[in-house]
Amino acid sequence: MFHVLPEQVVVLCFLGMLAWAACSDAIEFRIPNTASLGIAGLYLLFVLTSSVPVNWPWALAVAGATFIPGLILFASGVMGGGDVKLLSAAALWAGPKLILLMLLTTSLAGGLLAVLVWCLHQRRRYRIATYGDVSLTTAEYALPIRLPYGVAIATGAGLVGLRLISG
């Protein structure tokens, strides 16, 4: 017989919030604050419902240690504010044990995402140069390439969630 523990339900909700944040970033290039706040709030529920002790003070330290460099990257224009908040909220879930796995997976997913976005941009440039595609104006062509990095963050954090569910 299959038994679902309350902590597993909370982790599934965490995965759902990550999916929402990723979809929002992919479509609108915006991660809602409610997604990051919801992820942080769900972590509190996870701590309260977990069947094993959770080292939440160190998880807070990891989240803070993730937020500070993210804030610097945001101030320098390298990273969006929503990305920084999502990454810090997800770092709570990773804690000291899974933060390196999360950051490595996020980096790899971000690299693959960058290659995909670049290829799509090159295809668009080729269509304009070759066919004079009227569906894209010159102003749209000149727009900088934007990367929905929340998708990569959600990928890395999603792996953390799967690890938490599997034990």
N, C-alpha and C. Protein backbone atom coordinates (compact mmCIF):
# COMPACT_ATOMS: atom_id res chain seq x y z
N MET A 1 0.84 -1.19 0.00
CA MET A 1 0.00 0.00 0.00
C MET A 1 0.88 1.24 0.00
N PHE A 2 0.43 2.25 -0.69
CA PHE A 2 1.21 3.47 -0.87
C PHE A 2 0.81 4.50 0.18
N HIS A 3 1.79 5.00 0.95
CA HIS A 3 1.52 6.01 1.97
C HIS A 3 2.24 7.30 1.59
N VAL A 4 1.52 8.39 1.65
CA VAL A 4 2.12 9.69 1.37
C VAL A 4 2.30 10.42 2.70
N LEU A 5 3.51 10.82 2.96
CA LEU A 5 3.81 11.56 4.18
C LEU A 5 3.54 13.04 3.98
N PRO A 6 3.17 13.76 5.04
CA PRO A 6 2.91 15.20 4.90
C PRO A 6 4.10 15.96 4.32
N GLU A 7 5.31 15.57 4.68
CA GLU A 7 6.49 16.26 4.15
C GLU A 7 6.61 16.08 2.63
N GLN A 8 6.17 14.92 2.13
CA GLN A 8 6.20 14.70 0.68
C GLN A 8 5.20 15.60 -0.04
N VAL A 9 4.06 15.83 0.57
CA VAL A 9 3.07 16.74 0.00
C VAL A 9 3.65 18.16 -0.06
N VAL A 10 4.34 18.56 0.99
CA VAL A 10 4.94 19.89 1.02
C VAL A 10 6.01 20.01 -0.06
N VAL A 11 6.83 18.98 -0.24
CA VAL A 11 7.86 19.00 -1.28
C VAL A 11 7.22 19.05 -2.67
N LEU A 12 6.11 18.34 -2.87
CA LEU A 12 5.41 18.41 -4.15
C LEU A 12 4.87 19.82 -4.40
N CYS A 13 4.40 20.47 -3.37
CA CYS A 13 3.96 21.87 -3.50
C CYS A 13 5.14 22.77 -3.87
N PHE A 14 6.30 22.50 -3.27
CA PHE A 14 7.53 23.23 -3.60
C PHE A 14 7.86 23.06 -5.08
N LEU A 15 7.76 21.83 -5.58
CA LEU A 15 8.03 21.57 -7.00
C LEU A 15 7.01 22.30 -7.88
N GLY A 16 5.77 22.35 -7.44
CA GLY A 16 4.76 23.09 -8.19
C GLY A 16 5.04 24.58 -8.24
N MET A 17 5.48 25.14 -7.13
CA MET A 17 5.84 26.57 -7.09
C MET A 17 7.03 26.84 -8.00
N LEU A 18 7.99 25.93 -8.03
CA LEU A 18 9.14 26.08 -8.93
C LEU A 18 8.69 26.07 -10.39
N ALA A 19 7.78 25.17 -10.71
CA ALA A 19 7.28 25.09 -12.08
C ALA A 19 6.56 26.39 -12.46
N TRP A 20 5.79 26.92 -11.54
CA TRP A 20 5.09 28.19 -11.80
C TRP A 20 6.10 29.32 -12.04
N ALA A 21 7.12 29.40 -11.19
CA ALA A 21 8.14 30.44 -11.34
C ALA A 21 8.87 30.30 -12.68
N ALA A 22 9.21 29.07 -13.05
CA ALA A 22 9.92 28.83 -14.31
C ALA A 22 9.06 29.21 -15.50
N CYS A 23 7.80 28.81 -15.49
CA CYS A 23 6.89 29.14 -16.60
C CYS A 23 6.69 30.64 -16.71
N SER A 24 6.52 31.29 -15.59
CA SER A 24 6.33 32.74 -15.60
C SER A 24 7.56 33.44 -16.17
N ASP A 25 8.74 32.98 -15.79
CA ASP A 25 9.97 33.58 -16.31
C ASP A 25 10.15 33.30 -17.80
N ALA A 26 9.81 32.10 -18.21
CA ALA A 26 9.95 31.73 -19.62
C ALA A 26 8.99 32.54 -20.50
N ILE A 27 7.80 32.82 -20.01
CA ILE A 27 6.79 33.51 -20.81
C ILE A 27 6.90 35.03 -20.69
N GLU A 28 7.06 35.52 -19.46
CA GLU A 28 7.00 36.97 -19.22
C GLU A 28 8.35 37.59 -18.83
N PHE A 29 9.38 36.78 -18.67
CA PHE A 29 10.67 37.26 -18.14
C PHE A 29 10.48 37.96 -16.80
N ARG A 30 9.66 37.34 -15.97
CA ARG A 30 9.35 37.90 -14.65
C ARG A 30 9.00 36.75 -13.71
N ILE A 31 9.62 36.75 -12.53
CA ILE A 31 9.31 35.76 -11.52
C ILE A 31 8.51 36.47 -10.43
N PRO A 32 7.27 36.06 -10.19
CA PRO A 32 6.46 36.73 -9.17
C PRO A 32 7.07 36.62 -7.79
N ASN A 33 6.98 37.72 -7.03
CA ASN A 33 7.47 37.69 -5.65
C ASN A 33 6.74 36.64 -4.83
N THR A 34 5.46 36.41 -5.15
CA THR A 34 4.69 35.42 -4.40
C THR A 34 5.25 34.01 -4.58
N ALA A 35 5.88 33.75 -5.71
CA ALA A 35 6.49 32.43 -5.92
C ALA A 35 7.67 32.25 -4.96
N SER A 36 8.54 33.24 -4.89
CA SER A 36 9.70 33.13 -3.98
C SER A 36 9.26 33.11 -2.52
N LEU A 37 8.28 33.94 -2.18
CA LEU A 37 7.77 33.94 -0.80
C LEU A 37 7.08 32.62 -0.47
N GLY A 38 6.34 32.08 -1.44
CA GLY A 38 5.67 30.79 -1.23
C GLY A 38 6.67 29.67 -1.02
N ILE A 39 7.76 29.70 -1.77
CA ILE A 39 8.80 28.68 -1.63
C ILE A 39 9.45 28.77 -0.25
N ALA A 40 9.71 29.98 0.20
CA ALA A 40 10.28 30.17 1.54
C ALA A 40 9.29 29.75 2.63
N GLY A 41 8.02 30.09 2.45
CA GLY A 41 7.00 29.68 3.42
C GLY A 41 6.80 28.18 3.46
N LEU A 42 6.85 27.55 2.31
CA LEU A 42 6.73 26.09 2.27
C LEU A 42 7.89 25.42 2.99
N TYR A 43 9.06 26.08 2.98
CA TYR A 43 10.20 25.49 3.69
C TYR A 43 9.91 25.40 5.19
N LEU A 44 9.25 26.42 5.72
CA LEU A 44 8.87 26.38 7.13
C LEU A 44 7.94 25.19 7.40
N LEU A 45 6.98 24.97 6.52
CA LEU A 45 6.10 23.80 6.66
C LEU A 45 6.89 22.49 6.56
N PHE A 46 7.88 22.47 5.67
CA PHE A 46 8.72 21.28 5.53
C PHE A 46 9.47 21.00 6.83
N VAL A 47 10.02 22.03 7.44
CA VAL A 47 10.75 21.86 8.71
C VAL A 47 9.80 21.30 9.77
N LEU A 48 8.58 21.80 9.80
CA LEU A 48 7.63 21.37 10.83
C LEU A 48 7.07 19.96 10.58
N THR A 49 7.00 19.53 9.33
CA THR A 49 6.40 18.22 9.02
C THR A 49 7.42 17.12 8.75
N SER A 50 8.68 17.46 8.68
CA SER A 50 9.70 16.47 8.32
C SER A 50 9.81 15.38 9.37
N SER A 51 9.94 14.15 8.90
CA SER A 51 10.09 13.01 9.81
C SER A 51 11.52 12.86 10.32
N VAL A 52 12.45 13.56 9.71
CA VAL A 52 13.84 13.57 10.16
C VAL A 52 14.21 15.01 10.54
N PRO A 53 15.16 15.17 11.45
CA PRO A 53 15.55 16.53 11.83
C PRO A 53 16.11 17.31 10.64
N VAL A 54 15.72 18.56 10.55
CA VAL A 54 16.20 19.44 9.48
C VAL A 54 17.11 20.49 10.10
N ASN A 55 18.26 20.66 9.52
CA ASN A 55 19.23 21.63 10.01
C ASN A 55 18.90 23.02 9.46
N TRP A 56 17.80 23.59 9.94
CA TRP A 56 17.31 24.86 9.39
C TRP A 56 18.22 26.05 9.67
N PRO A 57 18.95 26.11 10.81
CA PRO A 57 19.83 27.28 10.98
C PRO A 57 20.92 27.35 9.88
N TRP A 58 21.46 26.19 9.52
CA TRP A 58 22.47 26.18 8.45
C TRP A 58 21.83 26.45 7.10
N ALA A 59 20.60 26.02 6.93
CA ALA A 59 19.90 26.31 5.68
C ALA A 59 19.69 27.82 5.53
N LEU A 60 19.36 28.49 6.63
CA LEU A 60 19.24 29.96 6.60
C LEU A 60 20.58 30.61 6.25
N ALA A 61 21.65 30.06 6.81
CA ALA A 61 22.99 30.59 6.50
C ALA A 61 23.33 30.41 5.03
N VAL A 62 22.98 29.25 4.48
CA VAL A 62 23.23 28.99 3.06
C VAL A 62 22.41 29.95 2.19
N ALA A 63 21.16 30.17 2.56
CA ALA A 63 20.31 31.10 1.80
C ALA A 63 20.88 32.51 1.86
N GLY A 64 21.35 32.91 3.03
CA GLY A 64 21.98 34.24 3.16
C GLY A 64 23.26 34.34 2.36
N ALA A 65 24.05 33.27 2.40
CA ALA A 65 25.30 33.26 1.64
C ALA A 65 25.04 33.24 0.14
N THR A 66 23.88 32.79 -0.27
CA THR A 66 23.50 32.82 -1.68
C THR A 66 22.95 34.19 -2.07
N PHE A 67 22.25 34.82 -1.14
CA PHE A 67 21.61 36.10 -1.42
C PHE A 67 22.63 37.23 -1.62
N ILE A 68 23.68 37.26 -0.81
CA ILE A 68 24.65 38.36 -0.86
C ILE A 68 25.33 38.47 -2.23
N PRO A 69 25.93 37.38 -2.77
CA PRO A 69 26.50 37.51 -4.12
C PRO A 69 25.43 37.81 -5.18
N GLY A 70 24.24 37.25 -4.98
CA GLY A 70 23.15 37.53 -5.91
C GLY A 70 22.79 39.00 -5.91
N LEU A 71 22.80 39.62 -4.75
CA LEU A 71 22.51 41.05 -4.64
C LEU A 71 23.57 41.87 -5.38
N ILE A 72 24.81 41.45 -5.28
CA ILE A 72 25.90 42.13 -6.00
C ILE A 72 25.71 41.97 -7.51
N LEU A 73 25.35 40.75 -7.95
CA LEU A 73 25.10 40.52 -9.37
C LEU A 73 23.90 41.32 -9.86
N PHE A 74 22.88 41.46 -9.02
CA PHE A 74 21.72 42.27 -9.38
C PHE A 74 22.12 43.74 -9.52
N ALA A 75 22.88 44.23 -8.56
CA ALA A 75 23.31 45.64 -8.59
C ALA A 75 24.17 45.95 -9.80
N SER A 76 24.92 44.96 -10.28
CA SER A 76 25.76 45.18 -11.45
C SER A 76 25.02 44.90 -12.76
N GLY A 77 23.75 44.51 -12.67
CA GLY A 77 22.95 44.30 -13.86
C GLY A 77 23.14 42.96 -14.54
N VAL A 78 23.81 42.03 -13.87
CA VAL A 78 24.08 40.72 -14.46
C VAL A 78 22.90 39.77 -14.24
N MET A 79 22.20 39.94 -13.14
CA MET A 79 21.13 39.01 -12.77
C MET A 79 19.90 39.81 -12.38
N GLY A 80 18.73 39.25 -12.66
CA GLY A 80 17.49 39.91 -12.29
C GLY A 80 17.15 39.73 -10.82
N GLY A 81 16.36 40.64 -10.29
CA GLY A 81 15.97 40.56 -8.88
C GLY A 81 15.15 39.32 -8.57
N GLY A 82 14.27 38.95 -9.48
CA GLY A 82 13.46 37.74 -9.28
C GLY A 82 14.32 36.49 -9.24
N ASP A 83 15.35 36.47 -10.07
CA ASP A 83 16.29 35.33 -10.08
C ASP A 83 17.00 35.21 -8.74
N VAL A 84 17.43 36.34 -8.20
CA VAL A 84 18.15 36.34 -6.91
C VAL A 84 17.23 35.84 -5.80
N LYS A 85 15.99 36.32 -5.78
CA LYS A 85 15.06 35.90 -4.74
C LYS A 85 14.72 34.42 -4.87
N LEU A 86 14.49 33.96 -6.10
CA LEU A 86 14.18 32.55 -6.31
C LEU A 86 15.36 31.66 -5.91
N LEU A 87 16.56 32.05 -6.30
CA LEU A 87 17.75 31.27 -5.96
C LEU A 87 17.94 31.20 -4.45
N SER A 88 17.74 32.30 -3.75
CA SER A 88 17.91 32.30 -2.29
C SER A 88 16.84 31.46 -1.60
N ALA A 89 15.60 31.57 -2.06
CA ALA A 89 14.52 30.76 -1.47
C ALA A 89 14.78 29.27 -1.72
N ALA A 90 15.25 28.94 -2.91
CA ALA A 90 15.55 27.54 -3.22
C ALA A 90 16.75 27.04 -2.42
N ALA A 91 17.68 27.94 -2.12
CA ALA A 91 18.86 27.55 -1.33
C ALA A 91 18.46 27.11 0.08
N LEU A 92 17.36 27.64 0.59
CA LEU A 92 16.85 27.16 1.88
C LEU A 92 16.60 25.66 1.82
N TRP A 93 15.95 25.23 0.76
CA TRP A 93 15.62 23.82 0.60
C TRP A 93 16.87 22.97 0.41
N ALA A 94 17.85 23.50 -0.29
CA ALA A 94 19.07 22.74 -0.54
C ALA A 94 19.89 22.57 0.73
N GLY A 95 19.98 23.64 1.51
CA GLY A 95 20.77 23.57 2.73
C GLY A 95 22.23 23.26 2.43
N PRO A 96 23.01 23.01 3.46
CA PRO A 96 24.44 22.76 3.24
C PRO A 96 24.72 21.45 2.51
N LYS A 97 23.83 20.47 2.61
CA LYS A 97 24.09 19.16 1.99
C LYS A 97 23.88 19.16 0.49
N LEU A 98 22.91 19.92 0.00
CA LEU A 98 22.55 19.84 -1.42
C LEU A 98 22.81 21.12 -2.21
N ILE A 99 23.40 22.13 -1.58
CA ILE A 99 23.59 23.40 -2.28
C ILE A 99 24.54 23.26 -3.47
N LEU A 100 25.60 22.50 -3.32
CA LEU A 100 26.53 22.35 -4.45
C LEU A 100 25.88 21.62 -5.61
N LEU A 101 25.09 20.60 -5.33
CA LEU A 101 24.36 19.89 -6.37
C LEU A 101 23.39 20.85 -7.07
N MET A 102 22.69 21.67 -6.28
CA MET A 102 21.74 22.61 -6.86
C MET A 102 22.46 23.63 -7.74
N LEU A 103 23.54 24.20 -7.26
CA LEU A 103 24.26 25.23 -8.03
C LEU A 103 24.89 24.65 -9.29
N LEU A 104 25.43 23.45 -9.20
CA LEU A 104 26.01 22.81 -10.37
C LEU A 104 24.94 22.51 -11.41
N THR A 105 23.83 21.95 -10.98
CA THR A 105 22.73 21.65 -11.91
C THR A 105 22.16 22.93 -12.51
N THR A 106 22.03 23.96 -11.70
CA THR A 106 21.55 25.26 -12.20
C THR A 106 22.50 25.81 -13.25
N SER A 107 23.78 25.71 -13.00
CA SER A 107 24.78 26.21 -13.95
C SER A 107 24.73 25.45 -15.27
N LEU A 108 24.65 24.13 -15.18
CA LEU A 108 24.58 23.32 -16.41
C LEU A 108 23.28 23.60 -17.18
N ALA A 109 22.18 23.68 -16.47
CA ALA A 109 20.90 23.99 -17.13
C ALA A 109 20.93 25.40 -17.72
N GLY A 110 21.56 26.33 -17.03
CA GLY A 110 21.68 27.69 -17.56
C GLY A 110 22.53 27.73 -18.82
N GLY A 111 23.59 26.95 -18.85
CA GLY A 111 24.41 26.88 -20.05
C GLY A 111 23.65 26.30 -21.23
N LEU A 112 22.91 25.22 -21.00
CA LEU A 112 22.10 24.64 -22.07
C LEU A 112 21.01 25.61 -22.53
N LEU A 113 20.41 26.29 -21.58
CA LEU A 113 19.39 27.29 -21.91
C LEU A 113 19.98 28.42 -22.73
N ALA A 114 21.18 28.87 -22.38
CA ALA A 114 21.85 29.94 -23.13
C ALA A 114 22.13 29.51 -24.57
N VAL A 115 22.58 28.28 -24.75
CA VAL A 115 22.84 27.77 -26.11
C VAL A 115 21.53 27.71 -26.90
N LEU A 116 20.47 27.23 -26.28
CA LEU A 116 19.17 27.15 -26.95
C LEU A 116 18.67 28.54 -27.36
N VAL A 117 18.73 29.49 -26.44
CA VAL A 117 18.27 30.85 -26.74
C VAL A 117 19.14 31.47 -27.83
N TRP A 118 20.44 31.24 -27.78
CA TRP A 118 21.34 31.77 -28.81
C TRP A 118 21.00 31.19 -30.18
N CYS A 119 20.75 29.87 -30.22
CA CYS A 119 20.39 29.23 -31.50
C CYS A 119 19.09 29.80 -32.05
N LEU A 120 18.12 30.01 -31.19
CA LEU A 120 16.86 30.61 -31.64
C LEU A 120 17.08 32.03 -32.17
N HIS A 121 17.94 32.76 -31.51
CA HIS A 121 18.26 34.12 -31.96
C HIS A 121 18.96 34.09 -33.33
N GLN A 122 19.88 33.15 -33.50
CA GLN A 122 20.58 33.04 -34.79
C GLN A 122 19.62 32.64 -35.90
N ARG A 123 18.68 31.78 -35.60
CA ARG A 123 17.66 31.37 -36.58
C ARG A 123 16.82 32.57 -36.99
N ARG A 124 16.46 33.38 -36.02
CA ARG A 124 15.68 34.59 -36.29
C ARG A 124 16.48 35.56 -37.18
N ARG A 125 17.75 35.73 -36.86
CA ARG A 125 18.60 36.60 -37.67
C ARG A 125 18.71 36.09 -39.10
N TYR A 126 18.84 34.77 -39.25
CA TYR A 126 18.95 34.16 -40.58
C TYR A 126 17.68 34.40 -41.38
N ARG A 127 16.53 34.23 -40.74
CA ARG A 127 15.25 34.44 -41.44
C ARG A 127 15.13 35.88 -41.92
N ILE A 128 15.54 36.82 -41.09
CA ILE A 128 15.45 38.22 -41.50
C ILE A 128 16.39 38.50 -42.65
N ALA A 129 17.63 38.01 -42.54
CA ALA A 129 18.63 38.28 -43.57
C ALA A 129 18.28 37.59 -44.89
N THR A 130 17.75 36.38 -44.81
CA THR A 130 17.49 35.60 -46.02
C THR A 130 16.16 35.93 -46.67
N TYR A 131 15.14 36.01 -45.88
CA TYR A 131 13.80 36.14 -46.45
C TYR A 131 13.17 37.51 -46.23
N GLY A 132 13.86 38.38 -45.50
CA GLY A 132 13.27 39.67 -45.21
C GLY A 132 11.96 39.51 -44.46
N ASP A 133 11.97 38.60 -43.48
CA ASP A 133 10.77 38.25 -42.74
C ASP A 133 10.11 39.49 -42.15
N VAL A 134 8.88 39.74 -42.55
CA VAL A 134 8.18 40.94 -42.09
C VAL A 134 7.53 40.73 -40.73
N SER A 135 7.59 39.52 -40.19
CA SER A 135 7.00 39.30 -38.88
C SER A 135 7.85 39.90 -37.77
N LEU A 136 9.09 40.19 -38.05
CA LEU A 136 9.97 40.81 -37.07
C LEU A 136 10.40 42.18 -37.57
N THR A 137 10.19 43.18 -36.77
CA THR A 137 10.62 44.52 -37.16
C THR A 137 12.10 44.69 -36.84
N THR A 138 12.67 45.73 -37.36
CA THR A 138 14.08 46.01 -37.09
C THR A 138 14.30 46.24 -35.60
N ALA A 139 13.34 46.87 -34.94
CA ALA A 139 13.47 47.12 -33.50
C ALA A 139 13.47 45.80 -32.73
N GLU A 140 12.64 44.84 -33.12
CA GLU A 140 12.64 43.54 -32.45
C GLU A 140 13.94 42.80 -32.70
N TYR A 141 14.49 42.96 -33.87
CA TYR A 141 15.75 42.32 -34.22
C TYR A 141 16.90 42.86 -33.38
N ALA A 142 16.82 44.14 -33.05
CA ALA A 142 17.91 44.80 -32.33
C ALA A 142 17.84 44.56 -30.82
N LEU A 143 16.76 43.98 -30.34
CA LEU A 143 16.63 43.74 -28.91
C LEU A 143 17.74 42.80 -28.43
N PRO A 144 18.25 43.05 -27.22
CA PRO A 144 19.27 42.14 -26.69
C PRO A 144 18.66 40.77 -26.39
N ILE A 145 19.51 39.79 -26.36
CA ILE A 145 19.06 38.43 -26.04
C ILE A 145 18.81 38.37 -24.54
N ARG A 146 17.61 37.93 -24.16
CA ARG A 146 17.25 37.79 -22.75
C ARG A 146 17.19 36.32 -22.41
N LEU A 147 17.66 36.00 -21.22
CA LEU A 147 17.73 34.61 -20.79
C LEU A 147 16.83 34.42 -19.56
N PRO A 148 15.79 33.61 -19.65
CA PRO A 148 14.94 33.35 -18.48
C PRO A 148 15.63 32.39 -17.52
N TYR A 149 16.55 32.93 -16.71
CA TYR A 149 17.39 32.08 -15.87
C TYR A 149 16.60 31.40 -14.75
N GLY A 150 15.38 31.87 -14.50
CA GLY A 150 14.54 31.20 -13.51
C GLY A 150 14.26 29.75 -13.89
N VAL A 151 14.27 29.47 -15.19
CA VAL A 151 14.08 28.09 -15.66
C VAL A 151 15.25 27.23 -15.18
N ALA A 152 16.46 27.74 -15.29
CA ALA A 152 17.64 26.99 -14.84
C ALA A 152 17.65 26.84 -13.32
N ILE A 153 17.27 27.89 -12.61
CA ILE A 153 17.21 27.81 -11.15
C ILE A 153 16.18 26.77 -10.73
N ALA A 154 15.04 26.77 -11.39
CA ALA A 154 13.99 25.80 -11.06
C ALA A 154 14.45 24.38 -11.36
N THR A 155 15.27 24.21 -12.38
CA THR A 155 15.80 22.88 -12.70
C THR A 155 16.70 22.38 -11.57
N GLY A 156 17.63 23.22 -11.14
CA GLY A 156 18.52 22.84 -10.04
C GLY A 156 17.77 22.60 -8.74
N ALA A 157 16.82 23.48 -8.43
CA ALA A 157 16.04 23.33 -7.21
C ALA A 157 15.09 22.15 -7.31
N GLY A 158 14.61 21.88 -8.51
CA GLY A 158 13.74 20.72 -8.70
C GLY A 158 14.46 19.42 -8.41
N LEU A 159 15.73 19.35 -8.78
CA LEU A 159 16.52 18.17 -8.45
C LEU A 159 16.65 18.01 -6.94
N VAL A 160 16.79 19.13 -6.24
CA VAL A 160 16.83 19.10 -4.77
C VAL A 160 15.52 18.54 -4.24
N GLY A 161 14.39 19.02 -4.77
CA GLY A 161 13.10 18.52 -4.35
C GLY A 161 12.94 17.04 -4.57
N LEU A 162 13.40 16.57 -5.73
CA LEU A 162 13.32 15.12 -6.01
C LEU A 162 14.19 14.32 -5.04
N ARG A 163 15.34 14.87 -4.70
CA ARG A 163 16.21 14.19 -3.72
C ARG A 163 15.55 14.14 -2.34
N LEU A 164 14.83 15.21 -1.99
CA LEU A 164 14.17 15.23 -0.69
C LEU A 164 13.01 14.24 -0.64
N ILE A 165 12.30 14.09 -1.73
CA ILE A 165 11.19 13.13 -1.77
C ILE A 165 11.70 11.69 -1.70
N SER A 166 12.80 11.44 -2.41
CA SER A 166 13.31 10.07 -2.46
C SER A 166 14.05 9.67 -1.18
N GLY A 167 14.36 10.64 -0.36
CA GLY A 167 15.00 10.33 0.91
C GLY A 167 16.42 10.40 0.85
